[in-house]
Amino acid sequence: VTGKIGKRTMLLSPHVEMGTGTIVFAPPGTGKSWLMLLMSLTLNHGVNTIWGTGKPRPTLYVDLERNQVFFESRLAEVEAAVGQSPRAVPYLKARGVGFANLRKILRGWADEHPGGVILYDSISRVGMGSLIEDDVANSIIDMANACSETWVALAHSPRGDANHAFGSVHFDAGADTIIRLVSQQKAGVLGCCLRVTKSNHQ
């Protein structure tokens, strides 16, 4: 097979590549949603504070867990932390809606925003069945891939084992990048470390 090979584009190097799916996992209460907000702000406004990205890129934060007031309050805190004036981040309130009911909306958004990134908070609230079932995991991955070329999703780790995301092995198989979030809180400051446990970037 011959032909021109397209250029690969890292959006949040080394964690998010254009045209791929990324899962970030950690136990509850370790800062996953804060991280997702930071990713969304960084991508949407081209913020250079953490990942050094420069070009703004359309993003959509799909909130399956919390209400919009909570989201906006946290966003303001993240903006202040990185020295940004308050600016909107595209947001879809989807608490209790379920992933399957959002497909048309998400696909429409992606069609209107070429090169955009959809961020999901979180897999545990997609409402498609037991996450330990292989067919459910495959359906979630397939739907995320169908809705947008590039996506990032949060996942929880199992109780008592923070080394992998909860659910079927097909979450690991289906995502292009898997990231373990390790965090520690001290004196009111939350420190985070991102460890890539699987990458198709290499």
N, C-alpha and C. Protein backbone atom coordinates (compact mmCIF):
# COMPACT_ATOMS: atom_id res chain seq x y z
N VAL A 1 0.85 -1.18 0.00
CA VAL A 1 0.00 0.00 0.00
C VAL A 1 0.88 1.23 0.00
N THR A 2 0.64 2.14 -0.93
CA THR A 2 1.43 3.37 -1.00
C THR A 2 0.49 4.55 -0.87
N GLY A 3 1.08 5.70 -0.56
CA GLY A 3 0.29 6.90 -0.42
C GLY A 3 0.84 7.78 0.68
N LYS A 4 0.33 8.98 0.76
CA LYS A 4 0.80 9.94 1.74
C LYS A 4 0.26 9.60 3.12
N ILE A 5 1.13 9.57 4.12
CA ILE A 5 0.75 9.28 5.49
C ILE A 5 0.40 10.58 6.18
N GLY A 6 -0.79 10.63 6.80
CA GLY A 6 -1.22 11.84 7.47
C GLY A 6 -0.37 12.15 8.69
N LYS A 7 -0.30 13.40 9.04
CA LYS A 7 0.49 13.85 10.18
C LYS A 7 -0.27 13.59 11.47
N ARG A 8 0.40 12.99 12.44
CA ARG A 8 -0.19 12.77 13.75
C ARG A 8 -0.09 14.05 14.57
N THR A 9 -1.14 14.33 15.34
CA THR A 9 -1.20 15.58 16.11
C THR A 9 -1.44 15.29 17.58
N MET A 10 -0.50 15.65 18.42
CA MET A 10 -0.68 15.52 19.86
C MET A 10 -1.37 16.79 20.37
N LEU A 11 -2.47 16.61 21.08
CA LEU A 11 -3.22 17.75 21.59
C LEU A 11 -2.79 18.11 23.01
N LEU A 12 -2.67 17.11 23.86
CA LEU A 12 -2.16 17.28 25.22
C LEU A 12 -1.06 16.25 25.40
N SER A 13 0.11 16.54 24.91
CA SER A 13 1.20 15.58 24.90
C SER A 13 1.71 15.28 26.31
N PRO A 14 1.90 13.98 26.64
CA PRO A 14 1.73 12.77 25.82
C PRO A 14 0.40 12.07 26.07
N HIS A 15 -0.61 12.79 26.51
CA HIS A 15 -1.82 12.15 27.01
C HIS A 15 -2.98 12.06 26.02
N VAL A 16 -3.12 13.02 25.14
CA VAL A 16 -4.26 13.01 24.21
C VAL A 16 -3.76 13.30 22.81
N GLU A 17 -4.05 12.37 21.89
CA GLU A 17 -3.69 12.53 20.48
C GLU A 17 -4.95 12.70 19.66
N MET A 18 -4.86 13.55 18.64
CA MET A 18 -5.98 13.75 17.73
C MET A 18 -6.37 12.42 17.09
N GLY A 19 -7.69 12.16 17.05
CA GLY A 19 -8.19 10.97 16.40
C GLY A 19 -8.15 9.72 17.26
N THR A 20 -8.02 9.87 18.58
CA THR A 20 -7.94 8.71 19.46
C THR A 20 -8.89 8.86 20.65
N GLY A 21 -9.07 7.75 21.38
CA GLY A 21 -9.86 7.75 22.59
C GLY A 21 -8.97 7.53 23.81
N THR A 22 -9.20 8.31 24.86
CA THR A 22 -8.38 8.25 26.06
C THR A 22 -9.26 8.03 27.28
N ILE A 23 -8.86 7.12 28.15
CA ILE A 23 -9.55 6.90 29.42
C ILE A 23 -8.61 7.26 30.56
N VAL A 24 -9.10 8.08 31.49
CA VAL A 24 -8.36 8.45 32.69
C VAL A 24 -9.08 7.82 33.87
N PHE A 25 -8.36 7.04 34.69
CA PHE A 25 -9.03 6.37 35.81
C PHE A 25 -8.32 6.65 37.13
N ALA A 26 -9.09 6.53 38.21
CA ALA A 26 -8.59 6.71 39.57
C ALA A 26 -9.74 6.42 40.52
N PRO A 27 -9.47 6.23 41.80
CA PRO A 27 -10.55 6.06 42.77
C PRO A 27 -11.39 7.33 42.88
N PRO A 28 -12.60 7.23 43.41
CA PRO A 28 -13.43 8.42 43.63
C PRO A 28 -12.72 9.42 44.55
N GLY A 29 -12.94 10.71 44.27
CA GLY A 29 -12.42 11.75 45.14
C GLY A 29 -10.95 12.05 45.00
N THR A 30 -10.36 11.68 43.87
CA THR A 30 -8.92 11.91 43.70
C THR A 30 -8.60 13.01 42.69
N GLY A 31 -9.61 13.71 42.21
CA GLY A 31 -9.35 14.86 41.34
C GLY A 31 -9.59 14.64 39.87
N LYS A 32 -10.30 13.57 39.50
CA LYS A 32 -10.53 13.29 38.07
C LYS A 32 -11.31 14.40 37.38
N SER A 33 -12.38 14.85 38.01
CA SER A 33 -13.20 15.90 37.39
C SER A 33 -12.44 17.22 37.30
N TRP A 34 -11.62 17.52 38.30
CA TRP A 34 -10.78 18.72 38.23
C TRP A 34 -9.84 18.62 37.03
N LEU A 35 -9.24 17.45 36.85
CA LEU A 35 -8.33 17.24 35.72
C LEU A 35 -9.07 17.40 34.40
N MET A 36 -10.28 16.83 34.30
CA MET A 36 -11.05 16.95 33.07
C MET A 36 -11.38 18.39 32.75
N LEU A 37 -11.72 19.17 33.77
CA LEU A 37 -11.98 20.59 33.57
C LEU A 37 -10.73 21.30 33.04
N LEU A 38 -9.58 20.96 33.62
CA LEU A 38 -8.33 21.56 33.17
C LEU A 38 -8.03 21.19 31.72
N MET A 39 -8.27 19.94 31.37
CA MET A 39 -8.08 19.52 29.98
C MET A 39 -9.00 20.28 29.04
N SER A 40 -10.26 20.40 29.42
CA SER A 40 -11.24 21.09 28.58
C SER A 40 -10.87 22.56 28.40
N LEU A 41 -10.51 23.22 29.49
CA LEU A 41 -10.11 24.62 29.42
C LEU A 41 -8.87 24.79 28.56
N THR A 42 -7.90 23.90 28.75
CA THR A 42 -6.65 23.96 27.99
C THR A 42 -6.90 23.82 26.50
N LEU A 43 -7.70 22.84 26.13
CA LEU A 43 -7.98 22.60 24.71
C LEU A 43 -8.82 23.71 24.11
N ASN A 44 -9.89 24.09 24.79
CA ASN A 44 -10.85 25.02 24.20
C ASN A 44 -10.26 26.42 24.02
N HIS A 45 -9.40 26.83 24.94
CA HIS A 45 -8.87 28.20 24.89
C HIS A 45 -7.38 28.27 24.56
N GLY A 46 -6.75 27.12 24.29
CA GLY A 46 -5.33 27.14 23.95
C GLY A 46 -4.45 27.58 25.11
N VAL A 47 -4.81 27.19 26.32
CA VAL A 47 -4.04 27.57 27.51
C VAL A 47 -2.72 26.80 27.53
N ASN A 48 -1.63 27.49 27.84
CA ASN A 48 -0.31 26.88 27.78
C ASN A 48 0.26 26.50 29.14
N THR A 49 -0.52 26.62 30.20
CA THR A 49 0.02 26.48 31.55
C THR A 49 0.58 25.10 31.85
N ILE A 50 -0.12 24.04 31.46
CA ILE A 50 0.29 22.68 31.83
C ILE A 50 0.90 21.92 30.66
N TRP A 51 0.14 21.76 29.59
CA TRP A 51 0.59 20.91 28.49
C TRP A 51 1.33 21.67 27.38
N GLY A 52 1.30 22.96 27.42
CA GLY A 52 2.01 23.74 26.41
C GLY A 52 1.33 23.78 25.07
N THR A 53 0.03 23.45 25.03
CA THR A 53 -0.70 23.53 23.77
C THR A 53 -0.90 24.99 23.39
N GLY A 54 -1.02 25.26 22.10
CA GLY A 54 -1.15 26.65 21.70
C GLY A 54 -2.42 26.95 20.93
N LYS A 55 -2.87 26.04 20.10
CA LYS A 55 -4.00 26.29 19.22
C LYS A 55 -5.32 25.90 19.90
N PRO A 56 -6.25 26.84 20.04
CA PRO A 56 -7.56 26.49 20.60
C PRO A 56 -8.27 25.46 19.73
N ARG A 57 -9.01 24.58 20.37
CA ARG A 57 -9.69 23.51 19.66
C ARG A 57 -11.09 23.34 20.26
N PRO A 58 -12.12 23.15 19.44
CA PRO A 58 -13.47 22.98 20.00
C PRO A 58 -13.54 21.80 20.96
N THR A 59 -14.17 22.00 22.10
CA THR A 59 -14.39 20.92 23.05
C THR A 59 -15.84 20.94 23.52
N LEU A 60 -16.30 19.79 23.99
CA LEU A 60 -17.61 19.70 24.61
C LEU A 60 -17.48 18.84 25.86
N TYR A 61 -17.78 19.43 27.02
CA TYR A 61 -17.73 18.72 28.29
C TYR A 61 -19.11 18.12 28.53
N VAL A 62 -19.20 16.80 28.50
CA VAL A 62 -20.47 16.09 28.70
C VAL A 62 -20.52 15.64 30.16
N ASP A 63 -21.37 16.29 30.94
CA ASP A 63 -21.42 16.04 32.38
C ASP A 63 -22.57 15.09 32.71
N LEU A 64 -22.22 13.83 32.93
CA LEU A 64 -23.20 12.81 33.26
C LEU A 64 -23.38 12.65 34.77
N GLU A 65 -22.59 13.41 35.55
CA GLU A 65 -22.55 13.19 37.00
C GLU A 65 -23.15 14.32 37.83
N ARG A 66 -22.90 15.59 37.46
CA ARG A 66 -23.23 16.69 38.36
C ARG A 66 -24.12 17.73 37.67
N ASN A 67 -24.56 18.72 38.44
CA ASN A 67 -25.38 19.77 37.84
C ASN A 67 -24.51 20.92 37.33
N GLN A 68 -25.12 21.82 36.58
CA GLN A 68 -24.36 22.86 35.91
C GLN A 68 -23.78 23.88 36.88
N VAL A 69 -24.48 24.16 37.97
CA VAL A 69 -23.97 25.11 38.97
C VAL A 69 -22.66 24.60 39.54
N PHE A 70 -22.62 23.31 39.86
CA PHE A 70 -21.41 22.69 40.39
C PHE A 70 -20.28 22.80 39.38
N PHE A 71 -20.59 22.51 38.12
CA PHE A 71 -19.59 22.59 37.05
C PHE A 71 -19.03 24.00 36.93
N GLU A 72 -19.88 24.99 36.87
CA GLU A 72 -19.44 26.37 36.68
C GLU A 72 -18.63 26.87 37.87
N SER A 73 -18.99 26.43 39.07
CA SER A 73 -18.22 26.82 40.25
C SER A 73 -16.80 26.26 40.20
N ARG A 74 -16.71 24.99 39.83
CA ARG A 74 -15.38 24.37 39.73
C ARG A 74 -14.57 24.97 38.59
N LEU A 75 -15.23 25.25 37.47
CA LEU A 75 -14.53 25.84 36.34
C LEU A 75 -13.91 27.17 36.73
N ALA A 76 -14.64 27.99 37.48
CA ALA A 76 -14.11 29.28 37.92
C ALA A 76 -12.85 29.09 38.77
N GLU A 77 -12.83 28.05 39.59
CA GLU A 77 -11.66 27.79 40.42
C GLU A 77 -10.47 27.33 39.58
N VAL A 78 -10.73 26.51 38.57
CA VAL A 78 -9.66 26.06 37.69
C VAL A 78 -9.09 27.23 36.90
N GLU A 79 -9.97 28.10 36.40
CA GLU A 79 -9.52 29.28 35.66
C GLU A 79 -8.63 30.16 36.53
N ALA A 80 -9.03 30.35 37.76
CA ALA A 80 -8.23 31.17 38.68
C ALA A 80 -6.88 30.53 38.94
N ALA A 81 -6.85 29.20 39.05
CA ALA A 81 -5.62 28.49 39.36
C ALA A 81 -4.59 28.62 38.24
N VAL A 82 -5.05 28.69 36.99
CA VAL A 82 -4.12 28.80 35.85
C VAL A 82 -4.00 30.23 35.34
N GLY A 83 -4.58 31.17 36.09
CA GLY A 83 -4.43 32.58 35.75
C GLY A 83 -5.25 33.04 34.56
N GLN A 84 -6.40 32.42 34.36
CA GLN A 84 -7.27 32.79 33.25
C GLN A 84 -8.47 33.58 33.74
N SER A 85 -8.87 34.57 32.96
CA SER A 85 -10.11 35.28 33.26
C SER A 85 -11.28 34.36 32.94
N PRO A 86 -12.43 34.54 33.60
CA PRO A 86 -13.57 33.64 33.37
C PRO A 86 -14.00 33.61 31.90
N ARG A 87 -14.04 32.40 31.35
CA ARG A 87 -14.50 32.20 29.98
C ARG A 87 -15.29 30.90 29.93
N ALA A 88 -16.27 30.87 29.08
CA ALA A 88 -17.13 29.69 29.00
C ALA A 88 -16.40 28.52 28.37
N VAL A 89 -16.73 27.33 28.84
CA VAL A 89 -16.32 26.08 28.21
C VAL A 89 -17.59 25.38 27.76
N PRO A 90 -17.72 25.02 26.49
CA PRO A 90 -18.94 24.37 26.01
C PRO A 90 -19.30 23.17 26.88
N TYR A 91 -20.55 23.14 27.31
CA TYR A 91 -20.98 22.20 28.34
C TYR A 91 -22.33 21.61 27.98
N LEU A 92 -22.46 20.29 28.17
CA LEU A 92 -23.73 19.61 27.95
C LEU A 92 -24.19 19.00 29.26
N LYS A 93 -25.28 19.51 29.80
CA LYS A 93 -25.84 18.97 31.04
C LYS A 93 -26.57 17.67 30.72
N ALA A 94 -26.05 16.56 31.24
CA ALA A 94 -26.61 15.26 30.87
C ALA A 94 -26.75 14.33 32.07
N ARG A 95 -26.86 14.90 33.25
CA ARG A 95 -27.00 14.08 34.45
C ARG A 95 -28.31 13.27 34.38
N GLY A 96 -28.19 11.96 34.48
CA GLY A 96 -29.35 11.08 34.44
C GLY A 96 -29.92 10.82 33.07
N VAL A 97 -29.28 11.34 32.03
CA VAL A 97 -29.82 11.19 30.67
C VAL A 97 -29.44 9.85 30.06
N GLY A 98 -28.20 9.43 30.24
CA GLY A 98 -27.74 8.18 29.64
C GLY A 98 -27.08 8.42 28.30
N PHE A 99 -26.03 7.66 28.04
CA PHE A 99 -25.21 7.85 26.85
C PHE A 99 -25.99 7.61 25.56
N ALA A 100 -26.78 6.55 25.53
CA ALA A 100 -27.49 6.19 24.30
C ALA A 100 -28.43 7.29 23.83
N ASN A 101 -28.99 8.04 24.76
CA ASN A 101 -29.92 9.12 24.41
C ASN A 101 -29.21 10.37 23.90
N LEU A 102 -27.91 10.39 23.98
CA LEU A 102 -27.15 11.58 23.59
C LEU A 102 -26.50 11.45 22.21
N ARG A 103 -26.58 10.28 21.62
CA ARG A 103 -25.80 10.02 20.41
C ARG A 103 -26.07 11.04 19.30
N LYS A 104 -27.33 11.34 19.02
CA LYS A 104 -27.66 12.27 17.95
C LYS A 104 -27.12 13.66 18.24
N ILE A 105 -27.24 14.10 19.49
CA ILE A 105 -26.74 15.42 19.88
C ILE A 105 -25.22 15.48 19.72
N LEU A 106 -24.53 14.46 20.22
CA LEU A 106 -23.07 14.45 20.18
C LEU A 106 -22.55 14.35 18.75
N ARG A 107 -23.18 13.51 17.94
CA ARG A 107 -22.76 13.38 16.54
C ARG A 107 -22.98 14.70 15.78
N GLY A 108 -24.09 15.36 16.09
CA GLY A 108 -24.36 16.65 15.46
C GLY A 108 -23.33 17.69 15.85
N TRP A 109 -22.95 17.70 17.14
CA TRP A 109 -21.93 18.66 17.59
C TRP A 109 -20.61 18.39 16.89
N ALA A 110 -20.21 17.13 16.80
CA ALA A 110 -18.95 16.78 16.15
C ALA A 110 -18.95 17.17 14.68
N ASP A 111 -20.08 17.00 14.00
CA ASP A 111 -20.17 17.37 12.59
C ASP A 111 -20.02 18.89 12.41
N GLU A 112 -20.53 19.64 13.38
CA GLU A 112 -20.45 21.09 13.31
C GLU A 112 -19.10 21.64 13.78
N HIS A 113 -18.31 20.81 14.44
CA HIS A 113 -17.02 21.24 14.99
C HIS A 113 -15.92 20.25 14.59
N PRO A 114 -15.50 20.28 13.31
CA PRO A 114 -14.45 19.37 12.86
C PRO A 114 -13.19 19.51 13.71
N GLY A 115 -12.62 18.38 14.07
CA GLY A 115 -11.42 18.42 14.90
C GLY A 115 -11.70 18.62 16.38
N GLY A 116 -12.98 18.61 16.75
CA GLY A 116 -13.34 18.84 18.13
C GLY A 116 -13.10 17.62 19.02
N VAL A 117 -13.11 17.88 20.33
CA VAL A 117 -12.87 16.83 21.33
C VAL A 117 -14.06 16.79 22.29
N ILE A 118 -14.60 15.58 22.51
CA ILE A 118 -15.68 15.41 23.48
C ILE A 118 -15.09 14.76 24.73
N LEU A 119 -15.42 15.34 25.90
CA LEU A 119 -14.91 14.85 27.17
C LEU A 119 -16.09 14.37 28.02
N TYR A 120 -16.00 13.13 28.53
CA TYR A 120 -17.11 12.51 29.26
C TYR A 120 -16.78 12.34 30.74
N ASP A 121 -17.67 12.84 31.57
CA ASP A 121 -17.55 12.69 33.02
C ASP A 121 -18.84 12.06 33.55
N SER A 122 -18.90 10.75 33.69
CA SER A 122 -17.87 9.76 33.50
C SER A 122 -18.50 8.46 32.99
N ILE A 123 -17.65 7.46 32.69
CA ILE A 123 -18.13 6.18 32.18
C ILE A 123 -19.09 5.50 33.14
N SER A 124 -18.89 5.70 34.43
CA SER A 124 -19.74 5.01 35.41
C SER A 124 -21.18 5.48 35.37
N ARG A 125 -21.48 6.58 34.66
CA ARG A 125 -22.84 7.12 34.60
C ARG A 125 -23.45 7.04 33.21
N VAL A 126 -22.89 6.20 32.33
CA VAL A 126 -23.42 6.17 30.96
C VAL A 126 -24.77 5.47 30.87
N GLY A 127 -25.10 4.63 31.85
CA GLY A 127 -26.41 4.01 31.89
C GLY A 127 -26.67 2.99 30.79
N MET A 128 -25.64 2.20 30.44
CA MET A 128 -25.82 1.21 29.37
C MET A 128 -25.74 -0.22 29.89
N GLY A 129 -25.65 -0.39 31.20
CA GLY A 129 -25.58 -1.73 31.75
C GLY A 129 -24.34 -1.92 32.61
N SER A 130 -24.14 -3.14 33.05
CA SER A 130 -23.01 -3.46 33.93
C SER A 130 -21.69 -3.29 33.19
N LEU A 131 -20.79 -2.53 33.78
CA LEU A 131 -19.50 -2.25 33.13
C LEU A 131 -18.58 -3.46 33.09
N ILE A 132 -18.91 -4.51 33.82
CA ILE A 132 -18.06 -5.70 33.79
C ILE A 132 -18.41 -6.60 32.61
N GLU A 133 -19.50 -6.29 31.93
CA GLU A 133 -19.91 -7.09 30.78
C GLU A 133 -19.16 -6.64 29.52
N ASP A 134 -18.60 -7.61 28.80
CA ASP A 134 -17.80 -7.29 27.61
C ASP A 134 -18.60 -6.55 26.55
N ASP A 135 -19.86 -6.97 26.33
CA ASP A 135 -20.65 -6.34 25.28
C ASP A 135 -21.00 -4.90 25.64
N VAL A 136 -21.19 -4.62 26.93
CA VAL A 136 -21.46 -3.25 27.37
C VAL A 136 -20.24 -2.37 27.15
N ALA A 137 -19.07 -2.87 27.56
CA ALA A 137 -17.83 -2.11 27.36
C ALA A 137 -17.60 -1.82 25.88
N ASN A 138 -17.77 -2.83 25.04
CA ASN A 138 -17.58 -2.63 23.60
C ASN A 138 -18.58 -1.63 23.04
N SER A 139 -19.81 -1.66 23.52
CA SER A 139 -20.83 -0.72 23.04
C SER A 139 -20.49 0.71 23.44
N ILE A 140 -19.98 0.90 24.65
CA ILE A 140 -19.60 2.24 25.10
C ILE A 140 -18.44 2.77 24.27
N ILE A 141 -17.44 1.96 24.05
CA ILE A 141 -16.29 2.37 23.23
C ILE A 141 -16.74 2.67 21.81
N ASP A 142 -17.57 1.79 21.24
CA ASP A 142 -18.04 1.99 19.87
C ASP A 142 -18.84 3.29 19.75
N MET A 143 -19.67 3.59 20.76
CA MET A 143 -20.48 4.80 20.69
C MET A 143 -19.61 6.05 20.81
N ALA A 144 -18.62 6.01 21.70
CA ALA A 144 -17.72 7.15 21.83
C ALA A 144 -16.97 7.38 20.51
N ASN A 145 -16.51 6.30 19.89
CA ASN A 145 -15.81 6.42 18.61
C ASN A 145 -16.73 6.93 17.50
N ALA A 146 -17.99 6.53 17.55
CA ALA A 146 -18.95 6.96 16.53
C ALA A 146 -19.33 8.42 16.68
N CYS A 147 -19.31 8.92 17.91
CA CYS A 147 -19.74 10.30 18.15
C CYS A 147 -18.67 11.32 17.80
N SER A 148 -17.40 10.99 18.00
CA SER A 148 -16.34 11.95 17.65
C SER A 148 -15.03 11.20 17.44
N GLU A 149 -14.17 11.77 16.60
CA GLU A 149 -12.88 11.13 16.34
C GLU A 149 -12.00 11.13 17.57
N THR A 150 -12.10 12.20 18.36
CA THR A 150 -11.24 12.34 19.53
C THR A 150 -12.11 12.49 20.77
N TRP A 151 -11.83 11.68 21.79
CA TRP A 151 -12.60 11.76 23.02
C TRP A 151 -11.74 11.40 24.22
N VAL A 152 -12.17 11.90 25.37
CA VAL A 152 -11.53 11.59 26.65
C VAL A 152 -12.65 11.24 27.62
N ALA A 153 -12.47 10.18 28.40
CA ALA A 153 -13.50 9.76 29.35
C ALA A 153 -12.87 9.44 30.69
N LEU A 154 -13.58 9.80 31.75
CA LEU A 154 -13.15 9.44 33.10
C LEU A 154 -13.74 8.09 33.49
N ALA A 155 -12.99 7.35 34.30
CA ALA A 155 -13.47 6.07 34.82
C ALA A 155 -12.99 5.91 36.26
N HIS A 156 -13.72 5.12 37.03
CA HIS A 156 -13.33 4.83 38.40
C HIS A 156 -12.54 3.52 38.44
N SER A 157 -11.65 3.41 39.40
CA SER A 157 -10.98 2.14 39.64
C SER A 157 -11.81 1.32 40.61
N PRO A 158 -11.61 -0.01 40.64
CA PRO A 158 -12.38 -0.85 41.56
C PRO A 158 -12.04 -0.53 43.02
N ARG A 159 -12.96 -0.82 43.91
CA ARG A 159 -12.71 -0.64 45.33
C ARG A 159 -11.52 -1.52 45.76
N GLY A 160 -10.55 -0.90 46.39
CA GLY A 160 -9.40 -1.65 46.91
C GLY A 160 -8.33 -1.96 45.89
N ASP A 161 -8.47 -1.51 44.66
CA ASP A 161 -7.46 -1.76 43.63
C ASP A 161 -7.42 -0.58 42.66
N ALA A 162 -6.42 0.27 42.81
CA ALA A 162 -6.34 1.49 42.01
C ALA A 162 -5.47 1.34 40.78
N ASN A 163 -5.16 0.09 40.39
CA ASN A 163 -4.21 -0.14 39.30
C ASN A 163 -4.86 -0.27 37.92
N HIS A 164 -6.18 -0.29 37.87
CA HIS A 164 -6.83 -0.37 36.56
C HIS A 164 -8.25 0.18 36.69
N ALA A 165 -8.86 0.49 35.56
CA ALA A 165 -10.22 1.00 35.54
C ALA A 165 -11.21 -0.12 35.83
N PHE A 166 -12.29 0.23 36.51
CA PHE A 166 -13.32 -0.77 36.82
C PHE A 166 -14.02 -1.21 35.54
N GLY A 167 -14.26 -2.52 35.45
CA GLY A 167 -15.04 -3.02 34.34
C GLY A 167 -14.29 -4.00 33.45
N SER A 168 -14.89 -4.28 32.31
CA SER A 168 -14.36 -5.24 31.35
C SER A 168 -13.00 -4.83 30.82
N VAL A 169 -12.21 -5.83 30.47
CA VAL A 169 -10.90 -5.59 29.87
C VAL A 169 -11.03 -4.88 28.53
N HIS A 170 -12.25 -4.89 27.95
CA HIS A 170 -12.43 -4.26 26.65
C HIS A 170 -12.40 -2.73 26.72
N PHE A 171 -12.49 -2.15 27.91
CA PHE A 171 -12.22 -0.72 28.02
C PHE A 171 -10.74 -0.46 27.73
N ASP A 172 -9.88 -1.29 28.31
CA ASP A 172 -8.44 -1.17 28.04
C ASP A 172 -8.12 -1.46 26.58
N ALA A 173 -8.80 -2.48 26.03
CA ALA A 173 -8.53 -2.87 24.65
C ALA A 173 -9.03 -1.81 23.67
N GLY A 174 -10.15 -1.16 23.98
CA GLY A 174 -10.77 -0.24 23.05
C GLY A 174 -10.19 1.16 23.04
N ALA A 175 -9.68 1.61 24.20
CA ALA A 175 -9.10 2.95 24.26
C ALA A 175 -7.69 2.94 23.67
N ASP A 176 -7.29 4.05 23.08
CA ASP A 176 -5.94 4.16 22.54
C ASP A 176 -4.92 4.49 23.63
N THR A 177 -5.37 5.24 24.61
CA THR A 177 -4.51 5.61 25.72
C THR A 177 -5.24 5.40 27.04
N ILE A 178 -4.56 4.81 28.01
CA ILE A 178 -5.10 4.65 29.35
C ILE A 178 -4.17 5.39 30.31
N ILE A 179 -4.77 6.22 31.16
CA ILE A 179 -3.98 7.03 32.09
C ILE A 179 -4.46 6.78 33.51
N ARG A 180 -3.53 6.49 34.38
CA ARG A 180 -3.84 6.36 35.80
C ARG A 180 -3.53 7.69 36.49
N LEU A 181 -4.52 8.23 37.17
CA LEU A 181 -4.33 9.45 37.94
C LEU A 181 -3.99 9.08 39.37
N VAL A 182 -2.86 9.55 39.84
CA VAL A 182 -2.43 9.36 41.22
C VAL A 182 -2.37 10.73 41.87
N SER A 183 -3.01 10.89 43.02
CA SER A 183 -3.05 12.22 43.63
C SER A 183 -2.81 12.13 45.13
N GLN A 184 -2.40 13.25 45.68
CA GLN A 184 -2.19 13.36 47.13
C GLN A 184 -2.54 14.77 47.56
N GLN A 185 -3.26 14.87 48.65
CA GLN A 185 -3.65 16.18 49.17
C GLN A 185 -2.87 16.48 50.44
N LYS A 186 -2.30 17.69 50.48
CA LYS A 186 -1.51 18.09 51.63
C LYS A 186 -1.65 19.59 51.83
N ALA A 187 -2.03 19.99 53.02
CA ALA A 187 -2.17 21.40 53.37
C ALA A 187 -3.10 22.13 52.40
N GLY A 188 -4.18 21.45 52.02
CA GLY A 188 -5.16 22.08 51.14
C GLY A 188 -4.78 22.13 49.68
N VAL A 189 -3.65 21.50 49.31
CA VAL A 189 -3.19 21.49 47.92
C VAL A 189 -3.25 20.07 47.38
N LEU A 190 -3.87 19.90 46.21
CA LEU A 190 -4.00 18.59 45.58
C LEU A 190 -2.93 18.46 44.51
N GLY A 191 -2.02 17.50 44.72
CA GLY A 191 -0.99 17.23 43.73
C GLY A 191 -1.36 16.01 42.91
N CYS A 192 -1.19 16.10 41.59
CA CYS A 192 -1.61 15.01 40.69
C CYS A 192 -0.45 14.54 39.82
N CYS A 193 -0.42 13.24 39.59
CA CYS A 193 0.55 12.63 38.68
C CYS A 193 -0.20 11.78 37.67
N LEU A 194 0.11 11.92 36.39
CA LEU A 194 -0.54 11.15 35.34
C LEU A 194 0.43 10.11 34.82
N ARG A 195 0.06 8.83 34.97
CA ARG A 195 0.90 7.74 34.52
C ARG A 195 0.23 7.02 33.36
N VAL A 196 0.86 7.05 32.22
CA VAL A 196 0.32 6.37 31.04
C VAL A 196 0.57 4.87 31.18
N THR A 197 -0.51 4.10 31.26
CA THR A 197 -0.36 2.64 31.41
C THR A 197 -0.56 1.90 30.08
N LYS A 198 -1.13 2.57 29.09
CA LYS A 198 -1.23 2.01 27.75
C LYS A 198 -1.21 3.16 26.76
N SER A 199 -0.48 3.00 25.68
CA SER A 199 -0.45 4.04 24.66
C SER A 199 -0.26 3.46 23.28
N ASN A 200 -1.09 3.87 22.34
CA ASN A 200 -0.90 3.52 20.94
C ASN A 200 -0.13 4.62 20.21
N HIS A 201 0.37 5.61 20.97
CA HIS A 201 1.14 6.69 20.36
C HIS A 201 2.52 6.22 19.94
N GLN A 202 3.02 5.19 20.65
CA GLN A 202 4.42 4.76 20.44
C GLN A 202 4.58 4.05 19.10
